[in-house]
Protein backbone atom coordinates (compact mmCIF):
# COMPACT_ATOMS: atom_id res chain seq x y z
CA MET A 1 0.00 0.00 0.00
CA SER A 2 1.29 3.52 -0.81
CA ILE A 3 0.54 6.90 0.73
CA ARG A 4 -0.54 9.74 -1.56
CA VAL A 5 0.52 13.29 -0.79
CA GLN A 6 0.24 16.50 -2.81
CA CYS A 7 2.98 19.14 -2.88
CA PRO A 8 1.53 22.46 -1.60
CA VAL A 9 3.90 24.52 -3.80
CA CYS A 10 3.77 23.01 -7.31
CA GLY A 11 0.67 20.80 -6.87
CA LYS A 12 2.47 17.61 -7.96
CA GLU A 13 0.71 14.49 -6.65
CA LEU A 14 3.26 11.97 -5.34
CA LYS A 15 3.24 8.42 -3.97
CA ALA A 16 5.35 7.26 -1.01
CA LYS A 17 5.94 3.85 0.45
CA ASP A 18 4.45 2.93 3.82
CA GLU A 19 7.82 3.05 5.58
CA MET A 20 8.17 6.74 4.59
CA ALA A 21 5.22 7.72 6.84
CA GLY A 22 6.10 10.55 9.20
CA LYS A 23 9.40 11.36 7.44
CA ARG A 24 10.55 14.46 5.60
CA VAL A 25 10.85 14.10 1.83
CA LYS A 26 11.73 16.43 -1.05
CA CYS A 27 9.42 17.08 -3.98
CA PRO A 28 11.25 15.93 -7.15
CA LYS A 29 9.75 18.72 -9.24
CA CYS A 30 10.22 21.90 -7.18
CA GLY A 31 12.46 20.72 -4.32
CA GLN A 32 9.97 21.59 -1.55
CA VAL A 33 10.45 19.57 1.65
CA LEU A 34 7.24 18.10 3.04
CA VAL A 35 6.19 15.52 5.69
CA VAL A 36 4.42 12.32 4.64
CA PRO A 37 1.31 11.92 6.89
CA ASP A 38 1.08 8.78 9.07
CA VAL A 39 -2.37 7.79 7.85
CA ARG A 40 -1.93 4.18 9.05
CA ALA A 41 -1.47 5.25 12.70
CA ALA A 42 -4.51 7.47 12.59
CA ALA A 43 -6.59 4.66 11.12
CA ALA A 44 -5.35 2.21 13.74
CA HIS A 45 -6.19 4.64 16.56
CA ALA A 46 -9.68 5.16 15.20
CA THR A 47 -10.21 1.41 14.97
CA ALA A 48 -9.01 0.86 18.54
CA VAL A 49 -11.58 3.17 20.11
CA SER A 50 -14.47 2.16 17.84
CA PRO A 51 -17.10 -0.18 19.47
CA MET A 52 -17.78 -3.57 17.95
CA LYS A 53 -21.27 -4.48 16.97
CA PRO A 54 -22.85 -7.26 19.04
CA GLN A 55 -22.60 -10.75 17.63
CA SER A 56 -25.04 -13.62 17.77
CA LYS A 57 -24.32 -16.91 19.45
CA SER A 58 -23.35 -18.36 16.07
CA GLY A 59 -20.48 -15.92 15.89
CA TYR A 60 -21.96 -13.64 13.19
CA ARG A 61 -22.74 -9.97 13.75
CA THR A 62 -26.34 -9.06 14.24
CA SER A 63 -28.10 -6.25 12.46
CA ALA A 64 -29.77 -4.73 15.54
CA ALA A 65 -31.13 -1.22 15.07
CA PRO A 66 -29.32 1.64 16.80
CA ALA A 67 -32.52 2.50 18.63
CA LEU A 68 -32.32 -0.78 20.58
CA LEU A 69 -28.83 0.06 21.93
CA SER A 70 -28.58 1.04 25.54
CA LYS A 71 -27.76 4.59 26.55
CA PRO A 72 -24.16 3.80 27.73
CA VAL A 73 -23.39 2.15 24.38
CA ARG A 74 -24.65 5.19 22.46
CA CYS A 75 -22.38 7.41 24.56
CA VAL A 76 -19.41 5.25 23.68
CA TRP A 77 -20.20 5.70 19.95
CA TYR A 78 -20.39 9.47 20.33
CA VAL A 79 -17.09 9.62 22.21
CA ALA A 80 -15.36 7.38 19.64
CA GLY A 81 -16.59 9.47 16.70
CA ALA A 82 -15.52 12.71 18.33
CA GLY A 83 -12.11 11.22 19.16
CA ALA A 84 -11.55 10.02 15.59
CA PHE A 85 -12.50 13.43 14.21
CA LEU A 86 -10.14 15.19 16.60
CA CYS A 87 -7.29 12.79 15.67
CA VAL A 88 -7.71 13.40 11.96
CA LEU A 89 -7.98 17.16 12.49
CA THR A 90 -4.84 17.11 14.64
CA VAL A 91 -2.88 15.20 11.97
CA VAL A 92 -3.97 17.64 9.26
CA VAL A 93 -3.01 20.68 11.37
CA VAL A 94 0.38 19.16 12.23
CA VAL A 95 1.12 18.40 8.56
CA ILE A 96 0.21 21.94 7.47
CA LEU A 97 2.32 23.53 10.19
CA ALA A 98 5.26 21.24 9.42
CA MET A 99 5.14 22.07 5.71
CA ARG A 100 5.03 25.80 6.40
CA ALA A 101 7.84 25.60 8.91
CA GLY A 102 9.88 23.41 6.54
CA HIS A 103 9.41 25.88 3.73
CA ARG A 104 10.84 28.67 5.85
CA THR A 105 13.44 27.14 8.11
CA VAL A 106 14.63 23.77 6.79
CA PRO A 107 18.41 23.98 6.33
CA LYS A 108 19.93 23.34 2.91
CA GLN A 109 21.87 20.35 4.27
CA GLU A 110 18.61 18.71 5.38
CA MET A 111 17.02 19.43 2.01
CA ALA A 112 19.92 17.84 0.20
CA ALA A 113 19.82 14.79 2.48
CA ALA A 114 16.08 14.28 2.20
CA PRO A 115 15.15 11.16 0.18
CA ARG A 116 13.59 11.67 -3.25
CA LEU A 117 10.21 10.14 -4.01
CA GLU A 118 9.97 7.74 -6.90
CA PHE A 119 7.48 8.79 -9.55
CA GLU A 120 6.84 8.36 -13.24
CA PRO A 121 7.73 11.56 -15.14
CA THR A 122 5.07 12.85 -17.46
CA ALA A 123 5.40 14.85 -20.64
CA ARG A 124 5.00 18.08 -18.67
CA ASP A 125 7.80 17.32 -16.25
CA ASP A 126 10.92 19.29 -17.10
CA ARG A 127 13.80 18.88 -14.70
CA SER A 128 16.23 20.84 -16.84
CA SER A 129 16.76 24.58 -16.54
CA PRO A 130 16.84 26.10 -20.04
CA ARG A 131 17.32 29.57 -18.65
CA HIS A 132 20.37 28.49 -16.72
CA SER A 133 21.89 26.70 -19.72
CA THR A 134 21.23 29.75 -21.89
CA GLU A 135 23.01 31.95 -19.36
CA GLN A 136 25.97 29.57 -19.32
CA ARG A 137 26.10 29.64 -23.10
CA ARG A 138 25.95 33.43 -23.16
CA ASP A 139 28.70 33.70 -20.57
CA LEU A 140 30.91 31.30 -22.55
CA PHE A 141 30.40 33.32 -25.73
CA ARG A 142 31.26 36.57 -23.95
CA GLU A 143 34.35 35.07 -22.36
CA LEU A 144 35.63 33.82 -25.72
CA VAL A 145 34.88 37.16 -27.37
CA ARG A 146 36.95 38.91 -24.71
CA GLU A 147 39.84 36.52 -25.41
CA ALA A 148 39.53 37.27 -29.14
CA ILE A 149 39.61 41.01 -28.45
CA THR A 150 42.74 40.57 -26.33
CA ALA A 151 44.41 38.68 -29.18
CA TYR A 152 43.28 41.32 -31.69
CA LYS A 153 44.87 44.12 -29.64
CA GLN A 154 48.20 42.28 -29.73
CA SER A 155 48.33 42.33 -33.54
CA THR A 156 48.81 45.04 -36.13
CA ASP A 157 47.44 43.09 -39.11
CA GLU A 158 44.39 44.80 -40.63
CA GLU A 159 42.95 41.39 -41.48
CA ASP A 160 42.55 40.69 -37.76
CA LEU A 161 39.68 43.19 -37.55
CA THR A 162 37.78 41.28 -40.24
CA GLN A 163 38.14 38.04 -38.32
CA LEU A 164 37.28 39.71 -35.02
CA LEU A 165 34.06 40.98 -36.60
CA ARG A 166 33.31 37.38 -37.62
CA VAL A 167 33.66 36.44 -33.95
CA VAL A 168 31.24 39.19 -32.92
CA GLU A 169 28.93 38.07 -35.71
CA GLU A 170 28.84 34.57 -34.22
CA GLN A 171 27.99 36.13 -30.87
CA ALA A 172 25.00 37.84 -32.49
CA ARG A 173 23.99 34.58 -34.19
CA SER A 174 23.83 32.92 -30.78
CA GLY A 175 21.00 35.29 -29.82
CA ASP A 176 23.06 37.66 -27.69
CA LEU A 177 22.47 40.77 -29.81
CA GLU A 178 22.88 43.15 -26.88
CA GLY A 179 26.20 41.56 -25.97
CA ALA A 180 27.42 41.84 -29.57
CA LEU A 181 26.45 45.52 -29.76
CA GLU A 182 28.17 46.13 -26.44
CA THR A 183 31.31 44.47 -27.82
CA VAL A 184 31.25 46.79 -30.83
CA ARG A 185 30.95 49.82 -28.57
CA ASP A 186 33.83 48.62 -26.39
CA LEU A 187 36.14 48.27 -29.41
CA ARG A 188 36.10 52.09 -29.88
CA LEU A 189 36.47 51.84 -33.65
CA ALA A 190 36.50 54.70 -36.12
CA ASN A 191 33.17 55.73 -37.60
CA ARG A 192 33.50 53.75 -40.84
CA GLU A 193 34.77 50.64 -39.10
CA LYS A 194 32.13 50.97 -36.40
CA ASP A 195 29.36 51.09 -39.02
CA ARG A 196 30.89 48.09 -40.72
CA ALA A 197 30.88 46.17 -37.43
CA LEU A 198 27.27 47.16 -36.71
CA VAL A 199 26.17 45.99 -40.15
CA GLU A 200 27.89 42.62 -39.69
CA VAL A 201 26.18 42.14 -36.32
CA LEU A 202 22.73 43.17 -37.54
CA ILE A 203 22.98 41.05 -40.68
CA ALA A 204 23.81 38.05 -38.49
CA CYS A 205 20.76 38.89 -36.41
CA VAL A 206 18.60 39.06 -39.54
CA ARG A 207 19.85 35.69 -40.78
CA THR A 208 18.83 34.05 -37.52
CA GLY A 209 15.25 35.32 -37.90
CA ARG A 210 15.32 38.30 -35.52
CA ILE A 211 14.40 40.76 -38.26
CA THR A 212 12.39 43.13 -36.06
CA ASP A 213 15.19 43.51 -33.50
CA ALA A 214 17.73 44.18 -36.25
CA ILE A 215 15.56 46.85 -37.89
CA ALA A 216 15.08 48.55 -34.51
CA HIS A 217 18.86 48.90 -34.13
CA SER A 218 19.53 49.90 -37.77
CA ILE A 219 19.25 53.60 -36.88
CA MET A 220 22.75 53.29 -35.43
CA ILE A 221 24.23 52.85 -38.94
CA GLU A 222 25.38 56.10 -40.51
CA ALA A 223 27.15 55.13 -43.79
CA PRO A 224 24.54 54.92 -46.63
CA SER A 225 26.38 52.21 -48.60
CA LEU A 226 26.66 49.96 -45.54
CA CYS A 227 23.04 50.68 -44.72
CA ASP A 228 22.17 49.37 -48.20
CA ASP A 229 23.96 46.11 -47.40
CA PHE A 230 21.78 45.72 -44.33
CA TRP A 231 18.48 46.42 -46.09
CA ALA A 232 19.36 44.03 -48.92
CA GLU A 233 19.71 41.24 -46.35
CA VAL A 234 16.43 42.29 -44.74
CA VAL A 235 14.65 42.02 -48.10
CA ILE A 236 15.98 38.50 -48.65
CA ALA A 237 15.05 37.40 -45.13
CA GLN A 238 11.53 38.83 -45.32
CA ILE A 239 10.85 37.06 -48.63
CA ARG A 240 12.02 33.78 -47.13
CA VAL A 241 9.49 34.11 -44.30
CA ARG A 242 6.75 34.99 -46.83
CA LYS A 243 6.43 38.68 -46.01
CA LEU A 244 6.46 40.13 -49.51
CA SER A 245 4.78 43.43 -48.60
CA ASP A 246 7.34 44.11 -45.86
CA ALA A 247 10.14 43.15 -48.25
CA LEU A 248 8.96 45.64 -50.86
CA VAL A 249 8.90 48.38 -48.22
CA SER A 250 12.43 47.46 -47.13
CA LEU A 251 13.52 47.42 -50.78
CA GLU A 252 12.61 51.08 -51.14
CA ARG A 253 14.96 51.98 -48.25
CA ILE A 254 18.01 51.10 -50.36
CA HIS A 255 19.66 54.36 -51.43
CA ASP A 256 21.57 53.09 -54.48
CA THR A 257 19.13 53.19 -57.41
CA GLU A 258 21.02 50.66 -59.53
CA ARG A 259 21.33 48.22 -56.65
CA ARG A 260 17.65 48.60 -55.83
CA ARG A 261 16.72 47.88 -59.45
CA SER A 262 19.01 44.86 -59.60
CA LEU A 263 17.65 43.43 -56.36
CA ARG A 264 14.10 43.99 -57.58
CA GLY A 265 14.90 41.70 -60.51
CA PHE A 266 15.90 38.92 -58.10
CA VAL A 267 12.67 39.08 -56.10
CA PRO A 268 10.87 36.48 -58.30
CA GLN A 269 13.76 34.03 -57.89
CA MET A 270 13.69 34.45 -54.11
CA LEU A 271 9.92 34.00 -54.06
CA ALA A 272 10.16 30.87 -56.21
CA ASP A 273 12.93 29.42 -54.05
CA ALA A 274 10.64 29.98 -51.06
CA GLY A 275 7.88 28.04 -52.84
CA GLN A 276 5.73 31.10 -53.68
CA PHE A 277 5.52 30.47 -57.43
CA SER A 278 2.27 32.32 -58.12
CA GLU A 279 3.55 35.42 -56.30
CA ALA A 280 6.82 35.15 -58.25
CA LEU A 281 5.03 35.07 -61.62
CA ASP A 282 2.77 37.95 -60.59
CA TYR A 283 5.80 40.01 -59.63
CA CYS A 284 7.44 39.27 -63.00
CA ALA A 285 4.60 41.22 -64.65
CA ARG A 286 5.65 44.37 -62.73
CA LEU A 287 9.16 44.38 -64.21
CA ASN A 288 10.31 45.73 -67.54
CA ALA A 289 10.64 43.39 -70.53
CA ASP A 290 14.31 42.49 -70.05
CA GLN A 291 14.05 41.96 -66.31
CA SER A 292 10.80 40.06 -66.70
CA GLU A 293 12.36 37.51 -69.10
CA ARG A 294 15.32 36.92 -66.80
CA ALA A 295 13.03 36.66 -63.79
CA GLN A 296 10.79 34.12 -65.53
CA MET A 297 13.89 32.10 -66.36
CA ASP A 298 14.76 32.13 -62.66
CA VAL A 299 11.29 30.79 -61.87
CA VAL A 300 11.80 28.03 -64.46
CA GLY A 301 15.07 27.10 -62.75
CA ALA A 302 13.32 26.96 -59.38
CA TYR A 303 10.64 24.67 -60.83
CA LEU A 304 13.31 22.36 -62.23
CA ARG A 305 15.17 22.25 -58.91
CA LYS A 306 11.92 21.07 -57.33
CA ASN A 307 11.37 18.52 -60.15
CA ASN A 308 8.24 20.31 -61.41
CA LEU A 309 8.95 19.82 -65.13
CA THR A 310 5.39 20.36 -66.31
CA GLU A 311 5.11 23.78 -64.67
CA ALA A 312 8.59 24.73 -65.91
CA LEU A 313 7.62 23.91 -69.50
CA ASP A 314 4.35 25.80 -69.14
CA VAL A 315 6.13 28.96 -67.96
CA THR A 316 8.78 28.62 -70.68
CA ASN A 317 6.26 28.25 -73.49
CA LYS A 318 4.47 31.42 -72.34
CA MET A 319 7.68 33.47 -72.47
CA PRO A 320 8.15 35.83 -75.44
CA GLU A 321 10.43 34.69 -78.25
CA GLY A 322 14.07 35.33 -77.47
CA ILE A 323 17.27 34.01 -75.95
CA GLN A 324 15.78 33.37 -72.52
CA LYS A 325 13.00 31.19 -73.94
CA THR A 326 15.56 29.08 -75.85
CA VAL A 327 17.72 28.71 -72.73
CA GLY A 328 14.65 27.69 -70.73
CA LEU A 329 13.63 25.06 -73.29
CA VAL A 330 17.17 23.61 -73.31
CA ALA A 331 17.11 23.39 -69.52
CA CYS A 332 13.75 21.59 -69.58
CA PHE A 333 14.93 19.23 -72.33
CA VAL A 334 18.10 18.33 -70.43
CA GLU A 335 16.19 17.75 -67.19
CA TYR A 336 13.54 15.62 -68.92
CA GLY A 337 16.17 13.65 -70.86
CA LYS A 338 18.08 12.79 -67.68
CA ARG A 339 14.87 11.71 -66.04
CA VAL A 340 13.65 9.32 -68.76
CA LYS A 341 17.13 8.48 -70.17
CA ASN A 342 15.55 6.46 -73.00
CA PHE A 343 14.00 9.12 -75.23
CA ASP A 344 10.25 8.91 -75.78
CA ALA A 345 7.99 10.85 -78.14
CA LYS A 346 7.90 13.89 -75.86
CA ALA A 347 11.68 13.94 -75.58
CA ASP A 348 12.04 13.65 -79.37
CA LEU A 349 9.64 16.56 -79.87
CA LEU A 350 11.51 18.71 -77.37
CA GLU A 351 14.84 17.74 -78.95
CA LYS A 352 13.75 18.83 -82.42
CA GLN A 353 12.37 22.12 -81.11
CA VAL A 354 15.50 22.84 -79.07
CA LYS A 355 18.01 22.09 -81.82
CA ASN A 356 16.29 24.41 -84.29
CA ARG A 357 16.24 27.22 -81.75
CA VAL A 358 19.88 26.76 -80.70
CA ASP A 359 21.12 26.81 -84.29
CA ARG A 360 19.32 30.13 -84.86
CA LEU A 361 20.80 31.85 -81.81
CA ALA A 362 22.72 34.93 -82.84
CA ASP A 363 24.79 35.24 -79.67
CA ALA A 364 27.83 32.96 -80.16
CA SER A 365 28.64 32.42 -76.47
CA THR A 366 25.06 31.45 -75.63
CA ARG A 367 24.90 29.12 -78.64
CA VAL A 368 28.14 27.37 -77.63
CA GLN A 369 26.97 26.97 -74.01
CA GLN A 370 23.65 25.43 -75.02
CA LYS A 371 25.34 23.00 -77.42
CA TRP A 372 27.65 22.02 -74.55
CA ASN A 373 24.63 21.31 -72.33
CA ILE A 374 22.91 19.19 -74.97
CA ALA A 375 26.08 17.16 -75.63
CA ARG A 376 26.46 16.47 -71.89
CA LEU A 377 22.91 15.09 -71.87
CA TYR A 378 23.76 12.70 -74.71
CA ALA A 379 26.89 11.59 -72.87
CA PHE A 380 24.87 10.92 -69.73
CA THR A 381 22.16 8.92 -71.55
CA GLY A 382 24.71 6.92 -73.59
CA SER A 383 23.27 7.88 -76.97
CA ARG A 384 26.47 7.49 -78.98
CA PRO A 385 25.27 8.57 -82.48
CA LYS A 386 23.62 11.71 -81.09
CA LEU A 387 26.71 12.42 -79.00
CA ASN A 388 29.02 12.21 -82.02
CA THR A 389 26.79 14.62 -83.93
CA ALA A 390 26.71 17.05 -81.00
CA VAL A 391 30.51 16.89 -80.56
CA GLU A 392 31.05 17.64 -84.24
CA SER A 393 28.57 20.53 -84.11
CA PHE A 394 30.37 21.97 -81.08
CA ARG A 395 33.81 21.60 -82.72
CA ARG A 396 32.68 23.57 -85.82
CA GLU A 397 31.82 26.64 -83.76
CA PRO A 398 34.20 29.48 -84.79
CA THR A 399 34.80 30.71 -81.25
CA VAL A 400 35.76 27.30 -79.81
CA THR A 401 39.52 26.97 -79.24
CA ALA A 402 41.55 23.78 -78.83
CA ASP A 403 41.65 24.29 -75.07
CA ASP A 404 37.88 24.76 -74.99
CA PHE A 405 37.36 21.57 -76.98
CA SER A 406 39.65 19.63 -74.64
CA ALA A 407 37.73 20.84 -71.58
CA PHE A 408 34.49 19.99 -73.38
CA GLN A 409 35.55 16.38 -74.01
CA ILE A 410 36.79 15.93 -70.44
CA SER A 411 33.42 17.11 -69.11
CA LEU A 412 31.67 14.61 -71.41
CA ALA A 413 33.71 11.80 -69.85
CA GLY A 414 32.48 12.86 -66.43
CA GLU A 415 28.87 12.70 -67.61
CA MET A 416 29.51 9.22 -69.04
CA ALA A 417 30.74 8.04 -65.65
CA LYS A 418 27.68 9.53 -63.92
CA GLY A 419 25.44 7.78 -66.45
CA GLY A 420 27.02 4.40 -65.71
CA ALA A 421 29.37 4.09 -68.73
CA THR A 422 32.53 3.89 -66.61
CA GLU A 423 34.69 2.07 -69.15
CA GLN A 424 33.82 4.51 -71.93
CA ALA A 425 34.61 7.40 -69.60
CA LEU A 426 38.06 5.95 -68.84
CA ILE A 427 38.77 5.42 -72.53
CA GLN A 428 37.79 9.02 -73.16
CA LEU A 429 40.00 10.37 -70.36
CA ASN A 430 43.02 8.25 -71.30
CA GLN A 431 43.24 10.09 -74.62
CA PHE A 432 44.46 13.27 -72.91
CA ARG A 433 47.86 14.20 -71.59
CA PRO A 434 48.26 14.59 -67.82
CA SER A 435 47.08 18.00 -66.61
CA TYR A 436 45.50 19.67 -63.63
CA ARG A 437 42.11 19.62 -65.39
CA LEU A 438 42.38 15.87 -66.06
CA ALA A 439 43.28 15.17 -62.43
CA ILE A 440 40.26 17.17 -61.26
CA ALA A 441 38.05 15.23 -63.69
CA HIS A 442 39.17 11.93 -62.14
CA ASN A 443 38.56 13.41 -58.69
CA ASP A 444 35.04 14.44 -59.71
CA ASN A 445 34.35 10.89 -60.84
CA ALA A 446 35.69 9.59 -57.52
CA GLU A 447 33.33 11.88 -55.59
CA HIS A 448 30.42 10.62 -57.69
CA PHE A 449 31.30 7.01 -56.87
CA ALA A 450 31.81 7.86 -53.20
CA ARG A 451 28.34 9.40 -53.00
CA ALA A 452 26.98 6.26 -54.67
CA ARG A 453 28.73 4.12 -51.99
CA ASP A 454 30.90 2.43 -54.62
CA SER A 455 34.15 2.46 -52.63
CA SER A 456 36.10 0.35 -55.13
CA GLN A 457 35.44 2.67 -58.08
CA ALA A 458 36.01 5.70 -55.87
CA ARG A 459 39.45 4.49 -54.76
CA ASP A 460 40.42 3.66 -58.36
CA SER A 461 39.40 7.11 -59.58
CA TRP A 462 41.28 8.84 -56.75
CA ARG A 463 44.33 6.71 -57.52
CA ARG A 464 44.19 7.85 -61.17
CA ALA A 465 43.73 11.47 -60.08
CA THR A 466 46.81 11.29 -57.85
CA SER A 467 48.84 9.58 -60.58
CA VAL A 468 47.91 12.23 -63.15
CA ALA A 469 48.66 15.05 -60.68
CA LYS A 470 52.09 13.62 -59.88
CA ALA A 471 52.85 13.15 -63.60
CA CYS A 472 52.25 16.84 -64.32
CA SER A 473 53.55 18.10 -60.94
CA ALA A 474 50.13 19.52 -60.07
CA GLN A 475 50.41 19.36 -56.29
CA ASP A 476 47.43 21.67 -55.91
CA ALA A 477 45.37 18.91 -57.52
CA ILE A 478 46.66 16.42 -54.93
CA ALA A 479 45.53 18.82 -52.20
CA VAL A 480 42.07 18.86 -53.80
CA VAL A 481 42.09 15.05 -53.82
CA VAL A 482 43.03 14.99 -50.11
CA ARG A 483 40.17 17.34 -49.29
CA SER A 484 37.69 15.15 -51.20
CA GLN A 485 38.93 11.97 -49.55
CA VAL A 486 38.66 13.51 -46.09
CA ALA A 487 35.15 14.80 -46.83
CA HIS A 488 33.98 11.29 -47.76
CA GLY A 489 35.80 9.53 -44.92
CA TYR A 490 38.72 7.92 -46.79
CA ILE A 491 41.23 8.98 -44.16
CA SER A 492 43.99 6.44 -44.81
CA GLU A 493 44.17 7.33 -48.52
CA ALA A 494 44.28 11.05 -47.63
CA LYS A 495 47.17 10.45 -45.18
CA GLU A 496 49.10 8.62 -47.88
CA ASN A 497 48.54 11.36 -50.47
CA THR A 498 49.87 14.09 -48.18
CA LEU A 499 53.28 12.40 -48.38
CA HIS A 500 53.49 13.35 -52.08
CA ILE A 501 53.06 17.10 -51.43
CA THR A 502 56.06 19.37 -50.91
CA LYS A 503 54.67 22.70 -52.09
CA THR A 504 53.99 24.86 -49.02
CA ASP A 505 50.56 26.19 -49.93
CA ALA A 506 49.26 22.83 -51.11
CA LEU A 507 50.74 21.03 -48.09
CA THR A 508 49.16 23.56 -45.73
CA ARG A 509 45.70 22.97 -47.19
CA ALA A 510 46.17 19.20 -47.20
CA LEU A 511 47.37 18.99 -43.59
CA PHE A 512 44.64 21.36 -42.43
CA GLU A 513 41.92 19.23 -44.03
CA LEU A 514 43.52 15.99 -42.86
CA ALA A 515 43.66 17.22 -39.26
CA CYS A 516 39.97 18.14 -39.41
CA GLY A 517 39.13 14.73 -40.82
CA LEU A 518 41.10 12.91 -38.14
CA TYR A 519 39.44 14.93 -35.37
CA ARG A 520 36.05 14.25 -36.95
CA ALA A 521 36.79 10.52 -37.03
CA GLY A 522 37.91 10.55 -33.39
CA GLN A 523 41.56 9.68 -34.16
CA TYR A 524 42.88 12.29 -31.76
CA GLU A 525 46.47 11.09 -31.52
CA ASP A 526 47.07 11.21 -35.27
CA ALA A 527 45.07 14.43 -35.48
CA ASP A 528 47.30 16.17 -32.91
CA VAL A 529 50.44 15.11 -34.81
CA THR A 530 49.00 16.31 -38.13
CA TRP A 531 47.85 19.60 -36.61
CA SER A 532 51.32 20.16 -35.13
CA ARG A 533 52.82 19.68 -38.61
CA ALA A 534 50.34 22.18 -40.06
CA ARG A 535 51.14 24.77 -37.39
CA GLU A 536 54.80 24.70 -38.40
CA LEU A 537 53.87 26.12 -41.81
CA PRO A 538 53.38 29.87 -42.38
CA ARG A 539 49.84 31.25 -42.31
CA TYR A 540 48.29 27.81 -41.83
CA TYR A 541 45.33 29.39 -40.06
CA GLN A 542 44.13 31.07 -43.26
CA CYS A 543 42.55 27.78 -44.27
CA GLY A 544 40.16 28.32 -41.37
CA LEU A 545 38.88 31.44 -43.11
CA LEU A 546 37.42 29.26 -45.89
CA TRP A 547 36.64 25.90 -44.29
CA ALA A 548 35.64 24.54 -40.91
CA SER A 549 38.60 24.69 -38.52
CA PRO A 550 39.62 21.84 -36.17
CA THR A 551 38.00 23.69 -33.26
CA THR A 552 34.68 23.70 -35.13
CA VAL A 553 34.95 19.97 -35.78
CA LEU A 554 35.75 19.24 -32.13
CA VAL A 555 32.84 21.30 -30.83
CA ARG A 556 30.45 19.54 -33.19
CA ARG A 557 31.75 16.24 -31.89
CA GLY A 558 30.97 17.40 -28.36
CA ASP A 559 34.59 17.86 -27.22
CA LEU A 560 34.49 21.52 -26.21
CA ASP A 561 37.37 21.20 -23.73
CA ARG A 562 39.80 20.00 -26.40
CA ALA A 563 38.65 22.77 -28.74
CA LEU A 564 39.27 25.39 -26.05
CA GLN A 565 42.70 23.91 -25.42
CA LEU A 566 43.61 24.15 -29.13
CA ALA A 567 42.44 27.76 -29.29
CA ARG A 568 44.25 28.86 -26.14
CA ASN A 569 47.48 27.16 -27.24
CA GLU A 570 47.70 29.40 -30.31
CA SER A 571 50.50 31.93 -30.00
CA ARG A 572 49.73 33.97 -33.14
CA PRO A 573 46.96 36.53 -32.58
CA LEU A 574 45.12 35.94 -35.85
CA ALA A 575 45.35 32.17 -35.41
CA LYS A 576 43.75 32.46 -31.98
CA VAL A 577 40.96 34.68 -33.32
CA VAL A 578 40.23 32.19 -36.12
CA ALA A 579 40.24 29.28 -33.65
CA ILE A 580 37.82 31.09 -31.32
CA ARG A 581 35.58 31.87 -34.25
CA GLY A 582 35.60 28.14 -35.07
CA ILE A 583 34.42 27.31 -31.55
CA LEU A 584 31.57 29.81 -31.70
CA GLN A 585 30.60 28.60 -35.16
CA GLY A 586 30.49 25.02 -33.92
CA LEU A 587 28.27 26.04 -31.00
CA ASN A 588 25.88 27.90 -33.30
CA ASP A 589 25.60 25.30 -36.07
CA PRO A 590 24.02 21.86 -35.79
CA PRO A 591 26.41 18.97 -35.12
CA LEU A 592 27.97 17.17 -38.06
CA GLU A 593 27.67 13.47 -38.69
CA VAL A 594 30.77 11.70 -37.42
CA LEU A 595 32.35 10.13 -40.48
CA SER A 596 33.81 6.67 -40.18
CA GLU A 597 36.30 5.34 -42.66
CA ALA A 598 34.72 1.90 -42.79
CA GLY A 599 32.28 1.53 -45.66
CA ARG A 600 32.95 4.99 -47.05
């Protein structure tokens, strides 16, 4: 049997075991100390003083009426009832007084020692303290920002200010806008630099969805050109949250007329990317003829990215005759051809229409680009006769040089590999002399196979890429290969390829990426050795300006202490600022998937 008791502070109903009767316990939800009532003792006392009904000679109780009881017996009943009532009342009063006294005077040591009641948590129970964790997060961000400012003041490099502003931007992204603005004020920058810092902070605030707060603080910006940067970001953000009317109002606050006109032409694309296709097409009608055609082409591209081929064709066919309509039809034809692969009647009709239009294009560069796109489709689908015709048509173009034709054929080999014709792609690539472009083509094929989980083909393609790069001394291409291998989890191959790099810039990028990959895979010992090698090279930290730094990777893995140690061990001011920025970026962004080398 269990005893039920209700917490007088939070109202949580709890259950206690019988042996807990009369003891102090702590509410698991709010921490209030209360006394479990001894209901069993009260019941026993009441039973002891209660009279027994008379029994018959057979041993069973009789059902005599109360009126037949004698006067002394009735008095005993009255006394027993009054006594039981007084006992229950006394217990209730004692419990209430004990709870009130415990709420005021129970020492913290007694509260900590009080046993916790066992209960089943419900969906409403929340034992965590989000406010406290948010305060801890804010304090950590502010502490790291102060360390970055200290490092910035120790350097004379102008680039340090840019990276310091990135740190303050991450502080604003975390939700601490007031702290970021306070940091900008404490830097005591010149007017132009101060406006630049304010714009960076407010843009970060806009990108995290706090548009209203950012607009409220925009009055602090004085430089018109920087103010235009801010309002351009506001327009983009408002369109993404489906507030077109507010975006149009913000658009008019841009001072630069040419920039305002250019951004107005991108509004349909932003609406279409946000899924507002009807609003995008309606807005196209407000633009002039040239802008309207380009905007409709952007809507067609958005439809194709969402695999809505029918709507894309419908919009394209309604466009006025011109270059943009031809480009739109080619895009639809290529998308449809890749989808069906084996041409049907609809594909044949589109093909005939597209070829006639492309041949009549007056602009040579556009004509060459569209012929390139059509030939890549034929390479992907494996239609050899059509591909040969398209290659010959491309080669006869007057503006196509030998280098252009070589790049064109290499790209066709990549499309063959993506379409499944791996052997034909290799035959095509083996016809060319080793070059940086050829090595990158093999690397692209390897990435395609890696995404398709074909590890054998991926390793073969990376091996060819490395061989070609070494044959033409293109160490930058080997660095690209290392970065691709690390990104897809082929750590051992990346470690081996770094041994073939001696050029400082390429080796810096390779070691930087390899260290990140090793940290991501949890191979800390090898990662520390690799990172130490990278730190011996000049300006190694610049790689962190473009890619995720090791501190970012560690934070996303949940190892904040190691990330802090790496950042605080940096002796160069800019390197420390970049490392701190990596920590803040890792805290702001969602965690990455931990890549494992097995099966990748």
